[in-house]
Protein backbone atom coordinates (compact mmCIF):
# COMPACT_ATOMS: atom_id res chain seq x y z
CA MET A 1 68.28 7.58 -27.46
CA HIS A 2 66.57 10.84 -26.63
CA GLY A 3 63.71 9.97 -28.95
CA GLU A 4 63.07 6.70 -27.17
CA LYS A 5 63.22 8.36 -23.76
CA ARG A 6 60.87 11.10 -24.93
CA ARG A 7 58.42 8.53 -26.33
CA TYR A 8 58.66 6.54 -23.09
CA ASN A 9 57.98 9.69 -21.04
CA LEU A 10 55.00 10.58 -23.23
CA GLN A 11 53.58 7.08 -22.89
CA THR A 12 54.18 7.12 -19.15
CA SER A 13 52.57 10.54 -18.83
CA SER A 14 49.61 9.41 -20.92
CA LEU A 15 49.17 6.26 -18.86
CA GLU A 16 49.46 8.21 -15.61
CA GLU A 17 46.77 10.61 -16.81
CA ARG A 18 44.49 7.70 -17.74
CA ILE A 19 45.08 6.19 -14.30
CA LYS A 20 44.21 9.49 -12.62
CA LYS A 21 41.01 9.76 -14.66
CA ALA A 22 40.08 6.16 -13.85
CA GLU A 23 40.74 6.73 -10.14
CA SER A 24 38.66 9.90 -10.20
CA LYS A 25 35.83 8.09 -11.95
CA THR A 26 36.05 5.25 -9.45
CA GLU A 27 35.93 7.70 -6.54
CA LYS A 28 32.85 9.42 -7.98
CA GLN A 29 31.15 6.08 -8.52
CA GLU A 30 31.93 5.03 -4.95
CA MET A 31 30.43 8.28 -3.68
CA GLN A 32 27.31 7.69 -5.77
CA ILE A 33 27.06 4.14 -4.47
CA ASN A 34 27.36 5.34 -0.88
CA HIS A 35 24.68 7.96 -1.49
CA LEU A 36 22.36 5.45 -3.13
CA GLU A 37 22.88 3.01 -0.26
CA ALA A 38 21.95 5.74 2.23
CA VAL A 39 18.84 6.60 0.22
CA ARG A 40 17.93 2.92 0.01
CA CYS A 41 18.27 2.59 3.79
CA LYS A 42 15.96 5.57 4.32
CA LEU A 43 13.44 4.15 1.87
CA ASP A 44 13.57 0.75 3.58
CA LYS A 45 12.75 2.45 6.89
CA ARG A 46 9.86 4.33 5.29
CA ILE A 47 8.54 1.12 3.77
CA GLN A 48 8.69 -0.63 7.13
CA LEU A 49 6.86 2.27 8.76
CA LEU A 50 4.18 2.33 6.07
CA GLU A 51 3.72 -1.44 6.29
CA ALA A 52 3.32 -1.19 10.08
CA LEU A 53 0.82 1.63 9.66
CA LEU A 54 -1.12 -0.37 7.09
CA ARG A 55 -1.23 -3.40 9.40
CA SER A 56 -2.42 -1.20 12.25
CA GLU A 57 -5.14 0.38 10.12
CA HIS A 58 -6.22 -3.07 8.95
CA GLU A 59 -6.47 -4.28 12.55
CA VAL A 60 -8.47 -1.19 13.56
CA ALA A 61 -10.83 -1.66 10.61
CA ALA A 62 -11.28 -5.37 11.45
CA ARG A 63 -12.13 -4.51 15.08
CA LYS A 64 -14.57 -1.82 13.95
CA ILE A 65 -16.27 -4.24 11.54
CA LYS A 66 -16.56 -6.81 14.31
CA ARG A 67 -17.97 -4.24 16.77
CA LEU A 68 -20.50 -2.90 14.26
CA SER A 69 -21.52 -6.41 13.24
CA GLU A 70 -22.12 -7.33 16.88
CA GLU A 71 -24.04 -4.10 17.43
CA LEU A 72 -26.17 -4.76 14.37
CA GLU A 73 -26.88 -8.29 15.56
CA ARG A 74 -27.91 -6.97 19.02
CA ASN A 75 -30.19 -4.39 17.41
CA ARG A 76 -31.77 -7.10 15.26
CA SER A 77 -32.30 -9.28 18.34
CA ASP A 78 -33.81 -6.36 20.27
CA SER A 79 -36.08 -5.50 17.35
CA ALA A 80 -37.14 -9.09 16.95
CA SER A 81 -37.97 -9.40 20.64
CA LEU A 82 -40.07 -6.23 20.48
CA VAL A 83 -41.98 -7.49 17.44
CA ASN A 84 -42.60 -10.89 19.02
CA LYS A 85 -44.04 -9.43 22.26
CA PRO A 86 -47.77 -10.11 22.66
């Protein structure tokens, strides 16, 4: 009888230890997941900021190209009118 009870207690103790280890591992994994989610959120915000900056720079460059093209066209017209004067 004592042998069976001792074996039962050992099995119970072993299972309880395995449960504790599994719970600890689960807790660590949950903490890692939470950390990774926070990092992901920060990276998403950075990506959005960089995309907005890129769009802004693209718009500025497009306006500058348009302005310079118009200026070049005006200079060509002015030069042509000076050359064509009698």
